[in-house]
N, C-alpha and C. Protein backbone atom coordinates (compact mmCIF):
# COMPACT_ATOMS: atom_id res chain seq x y z
N UNK A 1 -0.23 -14.70 -10.96
CA UNK A 1 -1.06 -14.91 -10.31
C UNK A 1 -1.64 -13.01 -9.93
N UNK A 2 -3.02 -13.17 -9.44
CA UNK A 2 -3.22 -11.88 -8.99
C UNK A 2 -3.78 -11.93 -7.50
N UNK A 3 -3.71 -10.61 -6.61
CA UNK A 3 -4.15 -10.74 -5.27
C UNK A 3 -4.86 -9.64 -4.96
N UNK A 4 -5.32 -9.30 -4.05
CA UNK A 4 -6.11 -8.05 -3.55
C UNK A 4 -5.98 -8.16 -1.53
N UNK A 5 -5.37 -7.41 -1.58
CA UNK A 5 -5.18 -6.94 0.03
C UNK A 5 -6.26 -5.89 0.57
N UNK A 6 -6.99 -6.21 1.23
CA UNK A 6 -7.78 -4.63 2.00
C UNK A 6 -7.05 -4.03 3.18
N UNK A 7 -6.21 -2.91 3.16
CA UNK A 7 -5.71 -2.26 3.95
C UNK A 7 -6.09 -0.81 4.84
N UNK A 8 -5.87 -0.60 6.08
CA UNK A 8 -6.14 0.38 6.61
C UNK A 8 -5.32 1.53 6.16
N UNK A 9 -6.14 3.06 6.88
CA UNK A 9 -5.45 4.40 6.92
C UNK A 9 -5.49 4.69 5.10
N UNK A 10 -5.73 3.94 4.34
CA UNK A 10 -5.76 4.50 2.70
C UNK A 10 -7.34 5.91 3.09
N UNK A 11 -6.67 6.75 2.64
CA UNK A 11 -7.91 7.62 2.50
C UNK A 11 -7.98 8.63 1.07
N UNK A 12 -7.09 8.71 0.37
CA UNK A 12 -7.14 9.51 -0.68
C UNK A 12 -5.94 9.51 -2.02
N UNK A 13 -6.24 9.70 -3.11
CA UNK A 13 -5.23 9.81 -4.18
C UNK A 13 -3.90 9.55 -3.87
N UNK A 14 -3.04 10.61 -2.67
CA UNK A 14 -2.31 10.82 -2.34
C UNK A 14 -1.75 9.41 -1.53
N UNK A 15 -2.42 9.10 -0.80
CA UNK A 15 -2.06 8.02 -0.05
C UNK A 15 -1.54 6.95 -1.46
N UNK A 16 -2.92 6.61 -2.40
CA UNK A 16 -2.83 5.75 -3.62
C UNK A 16 -1.50 5.38 -4.44
N UNK A 17 -1.03 7.27 -4.36
CA UNK A 17 0.52 7.45 -5.18
C UNK A 17 1.28 6.78 -4.71
N UNK A 18 1.55 7.05 -3.25
CA UNK A 18 2.62 6.18 -2.64
C UNK A 18 2.78 4.94 -3.03
N UNK A 19 1.39 4.33 -2.52
CA UNK A 19 1.00 2.81 -2.27
C UNK A 19 1.70 2.27 -3.52
N UNK A 20 0.97 2.45 -4.90
CA UNK A 20 1.79 2.19 -6.00
C UNK A 20 3.06 2.68 -6.31
N UNK A 21 3.82 3.08 -5.76
CA UNK A 21 5.10 3.97 -6.35
C UNK A 21 5.78 2.58 -5.63
N UNK A 22 5.19 2.59 -4.47
CA UNK A 22 6.27 1.87 -3.46
C UNK A 22 6.01 0.14 -3.54
N UNK A 23 5.15 -0.47 -3.65
CA UNK A 23 4.53 -1.50 -4.37
C UNK A 23 5.29 -2.23 -6.07
N UNK A 24 5.02 -0.80 -6.75
CA UNK A 24 5.64 -1.37 -7.66
C UNK A 24 6.71 -1.51 -7.65
N UNK A 25 8.10 -0.96 -6.92
CA UNK A 25 9.24 -0.82 -7.09
C UNK A 25 9.56 -2.22 -6.46
N UNK A 26 8.85 -3.06 -5.99
CA UNK A 26 9.51 -4.60 -5.55
C UNK A 26 9.35 -5.36 -6.24
N UNK A 27 10.31 -6.03 -6.41
CA UNK A 27 10.56 -7.05 -7.54
C UNK A 27 9.77 -8.49 -7.74
N UNK A 28 9.27 -8.45 -8.90
CA UNK A 28 8.23 -9.71 -8.62
C UNK A 28 6.71 -9.34 -8.83
N UNK A 29 6.49 -7.66 -8.95
CA UNK A 29 4.94 -7.32 -8.86
C UNK A 29 4.90 -6.42 -9.91
N UNK A 30 3.47 -6.22 -10.39
CA UNK A 30 3.61 -5.57 -11.39
C UNK A 30 1.66 -5.38 -11.54
N UNK A 31 1.85 -4.77 -12.24
CA UNK A 31 0.04 -4.01 -12.48
C UNK A 31 -0.70 -4.12 -11.06
N UNK A 32 -0.08 -2.52 -10.27
CA UNK A 32 -0.75 -2.36 -8.93
C UNK A 32 -1.76 -1.58 -9.34
N UNK A 33 -2.92 -1.62 -8.49
CA UNK A 33 -4.21 -0.78 -8.66
C UNK A 33 -4.68 -1.11 -7.37
N UNK A 34 -4.67 0.96 -6.65
CA UNK A 34 -5.28 1.06 -5.73
C UNK A 34 -6.65 1.59 -5.51
N UNK A 35 -7.78 0.79 -4.97
CA UNK A 35 -8.80 1.32 -5.02
C UNK A 35 -9.22 1.76 -3.55
N UNK A 36 -9.67 3.45 -3.38
CA UNK A 36 -9.80 4.14 -2.96
C UNK A 36 -10.82 4.09 -2.19
N UNK A 37 -11.94 3.72 -2.69
CA UNK A 37 -13.60 3.06 -2.19
C UNK A 37 -13.49 2.08 -1.55
N UNK A 38 -12.77 1.11 -1.85
CA UNK A 38 -12.97 -0.50 -1.40
C UNK A 38 -11.70 -0.53 -0.49
N UNK A 39 -10.90 0.20 -0.38
CA UNK A 39 -9.54 0.57 0.10
C UNK A 39 -8.75 -1.15 0.21
N UNK A 40 -8.28 -1.14 -1.22
CA UNK A 40 -7.53 -2.66 -1.48
C UNK A 40 -6.90 -1.81 -2.36
N UNK A 41 -5.81 -2.82 -2.47
CA UNK A 41 -4.24 -2.98 -3.14
C UNK A 41 -4.52 -4.25 -4.30
N UNK A 42 -4.77 -3.92 -5.48
CA UNK A 42 -4.37 -5.41 -5.91
C UNK A 42 -3.35 -5.24 -6.91
N UNK A 43 -2.54 -6.65 -7.24
CA UNK A 43 -1.21 -6.26 -7.72
C UNK A 43 -1.29 -7.80 -8.64
N UNK A 44 -0.28 -8.23 -9.05
CA UNK A 44 0.37 -9.33 -10.30
C UNK A 44 1.69 -10.18 -9.50
N UNK A 45 1.76 -11.34 -8.98
CA UNK A 45 3.06 -11.55 -8.47
C UNK A 45 3.41 -13.01 -8.92
N UNK A 46 4.06 -13.49 -9.01
CA UNK A 46 4.50 -14.69 -9.27
C UNK A 46 4.99 -15.58 -8.69
N UNK A 47 6.06 -15.32 -7.39
CA UNK A 47 6.02 -16.16 -5.79
C UNK A 47 5.26 -15.74 -5.12
N UNK A 48 4.90 -17.26 -3.98
CA UNK A 48 4.16 -16.77 -3.27
C UNK A 48 4.89 -15.85 -2.17
N UNK A 49 6.19 -15.45 -1.97
CA UNK A 49 7.01 -14.68 -1.19
C UNK A 49 6.52 -13.23 -1.11
N UNK A 50 6.55 -12.97 -2.53
CA UNK A 50 5.86 -11.71 -2.13
C UNK A 50 5.11 -10.76 -1.56
N UNK A 51 4.04 -11.44 -1.68
CA UNK A 51 3.00 -11.09 -0.66
C UNK A 51 3.48 -10.80 0.72
N UNK A 52 4.08 -11.44 0.75
CA UNK A 52 4.71 -11.19 2.27
C UNK A 52 5.57 -9.64 2.29
N UNK A 53 6.16 -9.62 1.38
CA UNK A 53 6.88 -8.27 0.96
C UNK A 53 6.59 -7.53 0.94
N UNK A 54 5.10 -7.40 0.08
CA UNK A 54 4.34 -6.37 -0.36
C UNK A 54 3.35 -6.12 1.41
N UNK A 55 3.09 -6.81 1.96
CA UNK A 55 2.74 -6.64 3.20
C UNK A 55 3.72 -6.16 4.32
N UNK A 56 4.38 -6.21 4.28
CA UNK A 56 5.69 -5.74 5.16
C UNK A 56 5.74 -4.51 4.82
N UNK A 57 5.99 -4.15 3.58
CA UNK A 57 6.21 -2.71 2.92
C UNK A 57 5.30 -2.00 2.89
N UNK A 58 3.91 -2.42 2.74
CA UNK A 58 2.74 -1.64 3.21
C UNK A 58 2.72 -1.30 4.55
N UNK A 59 3.26 -1.83 5.79
CA UNK A 59 3.34 -1.90 7.43
C UNK A 59 4.13 -0.74 7.44
N UNK A 60 5.49 -0.56 6.87
CA UNK A 60 6.73 0.68 6.66
C UNK A 60 5.75 1.81 6.14
N UNK A 61 4.79 1.93 5.40
CA UNK A 61 4.52 2.86 4.92
C UNK A 61 3.05 3.56 5.67
N UNK A 62 2.71 3.01 6.51
CA UNK A 62 1.35 3.20 7.33
C UNK A 62 0.55 2.94 6.90
N UNK A 63 0.00 1.60 5.84
CA UNK A 63 -1.05 0.98 5.48
C UNK A 63 -1.11 -0.46 5.81
N UNK A 64 -1.31 -0.67 7.16
CA UNK A 64 -1.35 -2.22 6.76
C UNK A 64 -2.29 -3.01 6.63
N UNK A 65 -2.47 -4.27 6.31
CA UNK A 65 -3.27 -5.00 6.18
C UNK A 65 -4.45 -5.45 7.18
N UNK A 66 -5.49 -5.01 6.79
CA UNK A 66 -6.63 -5.28 7.99
C UNK A 66 -6.87 -6.34 8.87
N UNK A 67 -6.64 -6.29 9.95
CA UNK A 67 -6.36 -7.18 10.82
C UNK A 67 -5.25 -7.18 11.37
N UNK A 68 -4.57 -6.57 11.13
CA UNK A 68 -2.77 -6.74 11.50
C UNK A 68 -2.59 -4.94 12.64
N UNK A 69 -1.99 -4.99 13.19
CA UNK A 69 -1.97 -3.98 14.15
C UNK A 69 -1.48 -2.67 13.66
N UNK A 70 -2.42 -1.39 14.05
CA UNK A 70 -2.78 -0.56 13.71
C UNK A 70 -2.69 0.66 14.78
N UNK A 71 -1.45 0.93 15.20
CA UNK A 71 -1.11 1.65 16.78
C UNK A 71 -0.85 3.45 15.93
N UNK A 72 -0.77 4.35 16.46
CA UNK A 72 -0.60 5.45 16.27
C UNK A 72 0.17 6.00 15.49
N UNK A 73 1.45 4.67 15.54
CA UNK A 73 2.56 5.14 15.11
C UNK A 73 2.99 4.56 13.58
N UNK A 74 1.60 3.95 13.29
CA UNK A 74 1.59 3.32 12.00
C UNK A 74 0.67 4.52 11.27
N UNK A 75 -0.45 5.07 11.85
CA UNK A 75 -1.09 6.03 11.45
C UNK A 75 -0.60 7.41 11.08
N UNK A 76 0.36 8.10 11.76
CA UNK A 76 1.20 9.21 11.63
C UNK A 76 2.18 8.61 10.50
N UNK A 77 2.76 7.40 10.23
CA UNK A 77 3.14 6.74 8.88
C UNK A 77 2.99 7.06 7.52
N UNK A 78 1.23 6.99 7.79
CA UNK A 78 0.22 7.03 6.73
C UNK A 78 -0.34 8.46 6.27
N UNK A 79 -0.11 9.48 7.35
CA UNK A 79 -0.16 10.81 6.93
C UNK A 79 1.47 11.15 6.19
N UNK A 80 1.98 10.90 6.59
CA UNK A 80 3.63 11.52 6.10
C UNK A 80 3.12 10.72 4.86
N UNK A 81 2.87 9.66 4.57
CA UNK A 81 2.91 8.75 3.09
C UNK A 81 1.99 9.70 2.27
N UNK A 82 1.02 10.04 2.77
CA UNK A 82 -0.44 10.76 2.10
C UNK A 82 0.40 11.95 1.60
N UNK A 83 1.00 12.83 2.31
CA UNK A 83 1.28 13.93 2.05
C UNK A 83 2.52 14.00 0.81
N UNK A 84 3.22 12.95 0.94
CA UNK A 84 4.52 12.89 -0.26
C UNK A 84 3.46 12.25 -1.35
N UNK A 85 3.10 11.48 -1.29
CA UNK A 85 2.39 11.24 -2.47
C UNK A 85 1.09 11.99 -2.58
N UNK A 86 0.92 13.32 -2.15
CA UNK A 86 0.02 14.69 -2.71
C UNK A 86 1.33 15.40 -2.98
N UNK A 87 2.11 15.34 -2.91
CA UNK A 87 3.35 16.22 -3.85
C UNK A 87 3.81 15.85 -4.44
N UNK A 88 3.46 14.53 -5.22
CA UNK A 88 4.11 13.40 -6.21
C UNK A 88 2.88 14.06 -7.02
N UNK A 89 2.12 14.19 -6.83
CA UNK A 89 1.02 14.09 -7.92
C UNK A 89 0.76 15.37 -8.41
N UNK A 90 1.30 16.44 -7.71
CA UNK A 90 1.16 17.73 -8.12
C UNK A 90 2.80 18.02 -8.78
């Protein structure tokens, strides 16, 4: 199955790189695609419980799904994740 989640705090390729790396490491997730224009992450999965795992991971790294809490701490996490993603790109 495939799904697409609209997420918060996604701004650049550094963010996308971190998201792709973290989400791809989750068992049962494949073909991760991050779109910075539409602020979405899409992926394939087999088990319904995988969606919750992905949402939890996104929240942990600072990119909560639209509609979820996005406080100062979460935004700060996204800045750190972005910086790490930028370093890994170069």
